[in-house]
Amino acid sequence: MLVNHADPERAQEIVAPLRQLGTPIADIVGPMPYPAMFAFTDHALPPEPHFAICSSFLDEMSDEFIDSVVEATASLPMGHSLFQFRAFGGEMSRKPADSVAFSHRDKSFLALLACVWVDPSQSAGHQEYAAGFWEKLGPHASGAYVGFLGSEGEERKRSAYTEESYRRLAAIKAKYDPTNVFHLNQNIEPAVAGA
């Protein structure tokens, strides 16, 4: 769990109730530079892995949502799969949603599922699990983080942005990449003049 709080003592108070739930497998709560959090999952990236990844945002963690998570993670595929929450707030939440490409600054949490595997014969099972997982959690969440999207379709891709942000990004794409050379991503088509 990541806690974004300027006061380390207050951050410890925030996580104290979680420590009372049981004996943690690991407790690494403490000040760290933002890039350091990515090192926690480096070991889960063997060469040329296959993956299914999904994300969505929450205003709050309701009891119903937590029950859905507990039920869905009970059958989380073994190996390099993980489910995590990321808590938001602080300076990030103070910027207007349309001021930058990352639009969901007003949300309290990001929920993320990442299934990673090496053996291609396991692909169907992992993909089916990921789809079923988000089918259960979907009613409790909204939007998506573009860096944690798989091949989920146009609607899910657009849900990563406000309509205004998407329009502005399409206009930038039309100016700097009008022939859509850079399209092997969660592609935003260049805006059409007059559209």
C-alpha atoms as a PDB file:
ATOM      1  CA  MET A   1       0.000   0.000   0.000  1.00  0.00           C
ATOM      2  CA  LEU A   2       1.289   3.458  -0.908  1.00  0.00           C
ATOM      3  CA  VAL A   3       0.396   6.403   1.313  1.00  0.00           C
ATOM      4  CA  ASN A   4       1.005   9.819  -0.193  1.00  0.00           C
ATOM      5  CA  HIS A   5       1.332  12.107   2.803  1.00  0.00           C
ATOM      6  CA  ALA A   6       3.792  14.917   3.506  1.00  0.00           C
ATOM      7  CA  ASP A   7       3.954  14.159   7.234  1.00  0.00           C
ATOM      8  CA  PRO A   8       5.647  10.773   7.916  1.00  0.00           C
ATOM      9  CA  GLU A   9       4.169  10.587  11.434  1.00  0.00           C
ATOM     10  CA  ARG A  10       0.639  11.125  10.083  1.00  0.00           C
ATOM     11  CA  ALA A  11       1.276   8.469   7.422  1.00  0.00           C
ATOM     12  CA  GLN A  12       2.176   5.987  10.174  1.00  0.00           C
ATOM     13  CA  GLU A  13      -1.085   6.832  11.976  1.00  0.00           C
ATOM     14  CA  ILE A  14      -3.041   6.199   8.760  1.00  0.00           C
ATOM     15  CA  VAL A  15      -1.615   2.690   8.290  1.00  0.00           C
ATOM     16  CA  ALA A  16      -1.668   1.728  11.988  1.00  0.00           C
ATOM     17  CA  PRO A  17      -5.177   0.164  11.816  1.00  0.00           C
ATOM     18  CA  LEU A  18      -4.058  -2.029   8.896  1.00  0.00           C
ATOM     19  CA  ARG A  19      -1.221  -3.411  11.001  1.00  0.00           C
ATOM     20  CA  GLN A  20      -3.789  -4.522  13.581  1.00  0.00           C
ATOM     21  CA  LEU A  21      -5.570  -6.767  11.057  1.00  0.00           C
ATOM     22  CA  GLY A  22      -2.917  -9.471  11.296  1.00  0.00           C
ATOM     23  CA  THR A  23       0.775 -10.163  10.865  1.00  0.00           C
ATOM     24  CA  PRO A  24       1.891  -8.547   7.603  1.00  0.00           C
ATOM     25  CA  ILE A  25       3.968 -10.526   5.132  1.00  0.00           C
ATOM     26  CA  ALA A  26       6.033  -7.378   4.638  1.00  0.00           C
ATOM     27  CA  ASP A  27       5.914  -3.912   6.174  1.00  0.00           C
ATOM     28  CA  ILE A  28       7.843  -1.358   4.163  1.00  0.00           C
ATOM     29  CA  VAL A  29       5.856   1.750   4.978  1.00  0.00           C
ATOM     30  CA  GLY A  30       8.173   4.733   5.110  1.00  0.00           C
ATOM     31  CA  PRO A  31       9.375   7.746   3.149  1.00  0.00           C
ATOM     32  CA  MET A  32      10.666   6.936  -0.325  1.00  0.00           C
ATOM     33  CA  PRO A  33      11.132   8.719  -3.647  1.00  0.00           C
ATOM     34  CA  TYR A  34       8.245   8.138  -6.069  1.00  0.00           C
ATOM     35  CA  PRO A  35      10.264   6.052  -8.617  1.00  0.00           C
ATOM     36  CA  ALA A  36      11.239   3.582  -5.868  1.00  0.00           C
ATOM     37  CA  MET A  37       7.743   2.066  -5.859  1.00  0.00           C
ATOM     38  CA  PHE A  38       8.320   0.562  -9.311  1.00  0.00           C
ATOM     39  CA  ALA A  39      11.185  -1.573  -7.975  1.00  0.00           C
ATOM     40  CA  PHE A  40       8.660  -3.607  -5.950  1.00  0.00           C
ATOM     41  CA  THR A  41       7.370  -5.343  -9.085  1.00  0.00           C
ATOM     42  CA  ASP A  42      10.617  -5.623 -11.089  1.00  0.00           C
ATOM     43  CA  HIS A  43      10.956  -9.295 -10.090  1.00  0.00           C
ATOM     44  CA  ALA A  44       7.554 -10.028 -11.655  1.00  0.00           C
ATOM     45  CA  LEU A  45       8.743  -9.154 -15.144  1.00  0.00           C
ATOM     46  CA  PRO A  46      10.558 -12.152 -16.596  1.00  0.00           C
ATOM     47  CA  PRO A  47      11.749 -11.865 -20.213  1.00  0.00           C
ATOM     48  CA  GLU A  48       8.891 -11.575 -22.737  1.00  0.00           C
ATOM     49  CA  PRO A  49       6.009 -12.214 -20.356  1.00  0.00           C
ATOM     50  CA  HIS A  50       2.383 -12.411 -21.326  1.00  0.00           C
ATOM     51  CA  PHE A  51       0.111 -10.176 -19.314  1.00  0.00           C
ATOM     52  CA  ALA A  52      -3.421  -9.053 -18.623  1.00  0.00           C
ATOM     53  CA  ILE A  53      -3.743  -5.732 -16.840  1.00  0.00           C
ATOM     54  CA  CYS A  54      -6.780  -3.739 -15.764  1.00  0.00           C
ATOM     55  CA  SER A  55      -7.344  -0.679 -13.625  1.00  0.00           C
ATOM     56  CA  SER A  56     -10.136   1.542 -12.401  1.00  0.00           C
ATOM     57  CA  PHE A  57     -10.715   4.355  -9.936  1.00  0.00           C
ATOM     58  CA  LEU A  58     -12.766   4.559  -6.739  1.00  0.00           C
ATOM     59  CA  ASP A  59     -14.225   7.432  -4.766  1.00  0.00           C
ATOM     60  CA  GLU A  60     -14.384   5.199  -1.696  1.00  0.00           C
ATOM     61  CA  MET A  61     -13.893   1.579  -0.669  1.00  0.00           C
ATOM     62  CA  SER A  62     -17.384   0.449   0.229  1.00  0.00           C
ATOM     63  CA  ASP A  63     -18.030  -2.775   2.139  1.00  0.00           C
ATOM     64  CA  GLU A  64     -19.571  -4.212  -1.039  1.00  0.00           C
ATOM     65  CA  PHE A  65     -16.437  -3.403  -3.029  1.00  0.00           C
ATOM     66  CA  ILE A  66     -14.148  -4.944  -0.399  1.00  0.00           C
ATOM     67  CA  ASP A  67     -16.320  -8.082  -0.361  1.00  0.00           C
ATOM     68  CA  SER A  68     -16.034  -8.266  -4.164  1.00  0.00           C
ATOM     69  CA  VAL A  69     -12.237  -7.924  -3.967  1.00  0.00           C
ATOM     70  CA  VAL A  70     -11.934 -10.641  -1.327  1.00  0.00           C
ATOM     71  CA  GLU A  71     -14.085 -12.985  -3.411  1.00  0.00           C
ATOM     72  CA  ALA A  72     -12.260 -12.212  -6.660  1.00  0.00           C
ATOM     73  CA  THR A  73      -8.730 -12.479  -5.233  1.00  0.00           C
ATOM     74  CA  ALA A  74      -9.454 -15.834  -3.569  1.00  0.00           C
ATOM     75  CA  SER A  75      -8.763 -17.452  -6.945  1.00  0.00           C
ATOM     76  CA  LEU A  76      -6.009 -15.073  -8.125  1.00  0.00           C
ATOM     77  CA  PRO A  77      -3.745 -17.057 -10.467  1.00  0.00           C
ATOM     78  CA  MET A  78      -0.433 -18.054  -8.933  1.00  0.00           C
ATOM     79  CA  GLY A  79       2.887 -16.898 -10.292  1.00  0.00           C
ATOM     80  CA  HIS A  80       3.436 -13.211 -10.856  1.00  0.00           C
ATOM     81  CA  SER A  81      -0.164 -12.010 -10.495  1.00  0.00           C
ATOM     82  CA  LEU A  82      -1.041  -9.219  -8.098  1.00  0.00           C
ATOM     83  CA  PHE A  83      -3.880  -6.954  -7.070  1.00  0.00           C
ATOM     84  CA  GLN A  84      -3.193  -3.617  -5.428  1.00  0.00           C
ATOM     85  CA  PHE A  85      -4.766  -0.379  -4.280  1.00  0.00           C
ATOM     86  CA  ARG A  86      -3.023   2.957  -4.694  1.00  0.00           C
ATOM     87  CA  ALA A  87      -4.233   5.788  -2.474  1.00  0.00           C
ATOM     88  CA  PHE A  88      -4.419   9.249  -4.040  1.00  0.00           C
ATOM     89  CA  GLY A  89      -4.667  12.754  -2.676  1.00  0.00           C
ATOM     90  CA  GLY A  90      -2.180  15.419  -1.737  1.00  0.00           C
ATOM     91  CA  GLU A  91      -0.710  17.741  -4.345  1.00  0.00           C
ATOM     92  CA  MET A  92      -1.834  15.533  -7.225  1.00  0.00           C
ATOM     93  CA  SER A  93      -5.488  16.058  -6.325  1.00  0.00           C
ATOM     94  CA  ARG A  94      -5.157  19.835  -6.273  1.00  0.00           C
ATOM     95  CA  LYS A  95      -4.663  20.213 -10.035  1.00  0.00           C
ATOM     96  CA  PRO A  96      -7.809  20.647 -12.174  1.00  0.00           C
ATOM     97  CA  ALA A  97      -8.761  17.464 -14.055  1.00  0.00           C
ATOM     98  CA  ASP A  98      -8.418  19.130 -17.479  1.00  0.00           C
ATOM     99  CA  SER A  99      -5.049  20.790 -16.766  1.00  0.00           C
ATOM    100  CA  VAL A 100      -3.006  17.681 -17.632  1.00  0.00           C
ATOM    101  CA  ALA A 101      -3.522  14.387 -19.478  1.00  0.00           C
ATOM    102  CA  PHE A 102      -4.071  12.394 -16.250  1.00  0.00           C
ATOM    103  CA  SER A 103      -7.702  13.239 -15.579  1.00  0.00           C
ATOM    104  CA  HIS A 104      -8.813  11.265 -12.520  1.00  0.00           C
ATOM    105  CA  ARG A 105      -7.091  13.422  -9.903  1.00  0.00           C
ATOM    106  CA  ASP A 106     -10.242  13.731  -7.820  1.00  0.00           C
ATOM    107  CA  LYS A 107     -10.475  10.000  -7.086  1.00  0.00           C
ATOM    108  CA  SER A 108      -9.395   8.509  -3.773  1.00  0.00           C
ATOM    109  CA  PHE A 109      -8.033   5.148  -4.970  1.00  0.00           C
ATOM    110  CA  LEU A 110      -6.767   3.261  -7.990  1.00  0.00           C
ATOM    111  CA  ALA A 111      -7.459  -0.482  -8.084  1.00  0.00           C
ATOM    112  CA  LEU A 112      -5.083  -2.488 -10.276  1.00  0.00           C
ATOM    113  CA  LEU A 113      -4.985  -6.122 -11.370  1.00  0.00           C
ATOM    114  CA  ALA A 114      -1.891  -7.443 -13.138  1.00  0.00           C
ATOM    115  CA  CYS A 115      -1.664 -11.083 -14.232  1.00  0.00           C
ATOM    116  CA  VAL A 116       1.773 -11.930 -15.655  1.00  0.00           C
ATOM    117  CA  TRP A 117       2.800 -15.329 -16.987  1.00  0.00           C
ATOM    118  CA  VAL A 118       5.494 -16.845 -19.196  1.00  0.00           C
ATOM    119  CA  ASP A 119       3.879 -20.022 -20.593  1.00  0.00           C
ATOM    120  CA  PRO A 120       1.629 -19.058 -23.547  1.00  0.00           C
ATOM    121  CA  SER A 121      -0.512 -22.153 -22.955  1.00  0.00           C
ATOM    122  CA  GLN A 122      -1.819 -20.408 -19.808  1.00  0.00           C
ATOM    123  CA  SER A 123      -3.043 -17.343 -21.698  1.00  0.00           C
ATOM    124  CA  ALA A 124      -6.719 -18.272 -22.049  1.00  0.00           C
ATOM    125  CA  GLY A 125      -7.107 -18.991 -18.325  1.00  0.00           C
ATOM    126  CA  HIS A 126      -5.425 -15.767 -17.237  1.00  0.00           C
ATOM    127  CA  GLN A 127      -7.369 -13.643 -19.736  1.00  0.00           C
ATOM    128  CA  GLU A 128     -10.635 -15.240 -18.627  1.00  0.00           C
ATOM    129  CA  TYR A 129      -9.779 -14.628 -14.974  1.00  0.00           C
ATOM    130  CA  ALA A 130      -8.956 -10.946 -15.592  1.00  0.00           C
ATOM    131  CA  ALA A 131     -12.202 -10.378 -17.515  1.00  0.00           C
ATOM    132  CA  GLY A 132     -14.254 -12.047 -14.773  1.00  0.00           C
ATOM    133  CA  PHE A 133     -12.443 -10.107 -12.072  1.00  0.00           C
ATOM    134  CA  TRP A 134     -13.363  -6.736 -13.563  1.00  0.00           C
ATOM    135  CA  GLU A 135     -16.885  -7.858 -14.290  1.00  0.00           C
ATOM    136  CA  LYS A 136     -17.326  -8.265 -10.508  1.00  0.00           C
ATOM    137  CA  LEU A 137     -15.576  -5.015  -9.564  1.00  0.00           C
ATOM    138  CA  GLY A 138     -16.801  -2.836 -12.425  1.00  0.00           C
ATOM    139  CA  PRO A 139     -20.045  -1.647 -10.792  1.00  0.00           C
ATOM    140  CA  HIS A 140     -18.025  -0.149  -7.909  1.00  0.00           C
ATOM    141  CA  ALA A 141     -15.440   1.750  -9.964  1.00  0.00           C
ATOM    142  CA  SER A 142     -15.081   4.101 -12.925  1.00  0.00           C
ATOM    143  CA  GLY A 143     -12.528   5.328 -15.417  1.00  0.00           C
ATOM    144  CA  ALA A 144      -9.110   3.852 -16.144  1.00  0.00           C
ATOM    145  CA  TYR A 145      -5.442   4.728 -15.918  1.00  0.00           C
ATOM    146  CA  VAL A 146      -4.043   4.678 -19.450  1.00  0.00           C
ATOM    147  CA  GLY A 147      -0.743   3.129 -18.343  1.00  0.00           C
ATOM    148  CA  PHE A 148      -2.645   0.153 -16.893  1.00  0.00           C
ATOM    149  CA  LEU A 149      -4.936  -0.660 -19.805  1.00  0.00           C
ATOM    150  CA  GLY A 150      -4.870  -3.800 -21.898  1.00  0.00           C
ATOM    151  CA  SER A 151      -6.772  -4.360 -25.139  1.00  0.00           C
ATOM    152  CA  GLU A 152     -10.084  -3.281 -23.639  1.00  0.00           C
ATOM    153  CA  GLY A 153     -11.619  -1.301 -26.477  1.00  0.00           C
ATOM    154  CA  GLU A 154     -12.254   2.313 -27.402  1.00  0.00           C
ATOM    155  CA  GLU A 155     -14.703   3.080 -24.604  1.00  0.00           C
ATOM    156  CA  ARG A 156     -12.300   1.950 -21.864  1.00  0.00           C
ATOM    157  CA  LYS A 157      -9.428   3.871 -23.463  1.00  0.00           C
ATOM    158  CA  ARG A 158     -11.508   7.061 -23.566  1.00  0.00           C
ATOM    159  CA  SER A 159     -12.504   6.541 -19.926  1.00  0.00           C
ATOM    160  CA  ALA A 160      -8.895   7.367 -18.996  1.00  0.00           C
ATOM    161  CA  TYR A 161      -9.540  11.015 -19.902  1.00  0.00           C
ATOM    162  CA  THR A 162     -12.136  13.725 -19.556  1.00  0.00           C
ATOM    163  CA  GLU A 163     -13.776  14.618 -22.870  1.00  0.00           C
ATOM    164  CA  GLU A 164     -11.902  17.946 -22.896  1.00  0.00           C
ATOM    165  CA  SER A 165      -8.511  16.298 -22.243  1.00  0.00           C
ATOM    166  CA  TYR A 166      -9.123  13.723 -24.977  1.00  0.00           C
ATOM    167  CA  ARG A 167     -10.075  16.487 -27.451  1.00  0.00           C
ATOM    168  CA  ARG A 168      -6.916  18.464 -26.602  1.00  0.00           C
ATOM    169  CA  LEU A 169      -4.692  15.365 -26.934  1.00  0.00           C
ATOM    170  CA  ALA A 170      -6.253  14.596 -30.337  1.00  0.00           C
ATOM    171  CA  ALA A 171      -5.512  18.173 -31.443  1.00  0.00           C
ATOM    172  CA  ILE A 172      -1.874  17.828 -30.276  1.00  0.00           C
ATOM    173  CA  LYS A 173      -1.647  14.512 -32.138  1.00  0.00           C
ATOM    174  CA  ALA A 174      -2.965  16.193 -35.317  1.00  0.00           C
ATOM    175  CA  LYS A 175      -0.294  18.885 -35.029  1.00  0.00           C
ATOM    176  CA  TYR A 176       2.740  16.707 -34.232  1.00  0.00           C
ATOM    177  CA  ASP A 177       1.792  13.293 -35.662  1.00  0.00           C
ATOM    178  CA  PRO A 178      -0.929  13.883 -38.290  1.00  0.00           C
ATOM    179  CA  THR A 179      -0.299  10.543 -40.030  1.00  0.00           C
ATOM    180  CA  ASN A 180      -0.466   8.644 -36.722  1.00  0.00           C
ATOM    181  CA  VAL A 181       3.014   7.132 -36.988  1.00  0.00           C
ATOM    182  CA  PHE A 182       3.072   6.607 -33.222  1.00  0.00           C
ATOM    183  CA  HIS A 183       0.043   4.332 -32.904  1.00  0.00           C
ATOM    184  CA  LEU A 184       1.352   1.184 -31.185  1.00  0.00           C
ATOM    185  CA  ASN A 185      -0.050   2.269 -27.826  1.00  0.00           C
ATOM    186  CA  GLN A 186      -3.407   3.257 -26.330  1.00  0.00           C
ATOM    187  CA  ASN A 187      -3.785   5.275 -29.487  1.00  0.00           C
ATOM    188  CA  ILE A 188      -5.446   8.655 -29.722  1.00  0.00           C
ATOM    189  CA  GLU A 189      -6.327   9.330 -33.348  1.00  0.00           C
ATOM    190  CA  PRO A 190      -5.289  12.739 -34.704  1.00  0.00           C
ATOM    191  CA  ALA A 191      -8.176  15.194 -34.673  1.00  0.00           C
ATOM    192  CA  VAL A 192      -9.813  15.860 -38.029  1.00  0.00           C
ATOM    193  CA  ALA A 193      -9.926  19.537 -39.002  1.00  0.00           C
ATOM    194  CA  GLY A 194     -13.368  20.990 -38.406  1.00  0.00           C
ATOM    195  CA  ALA A 195     -14.566  17.975 -36.383  1.00  0.00           C
END
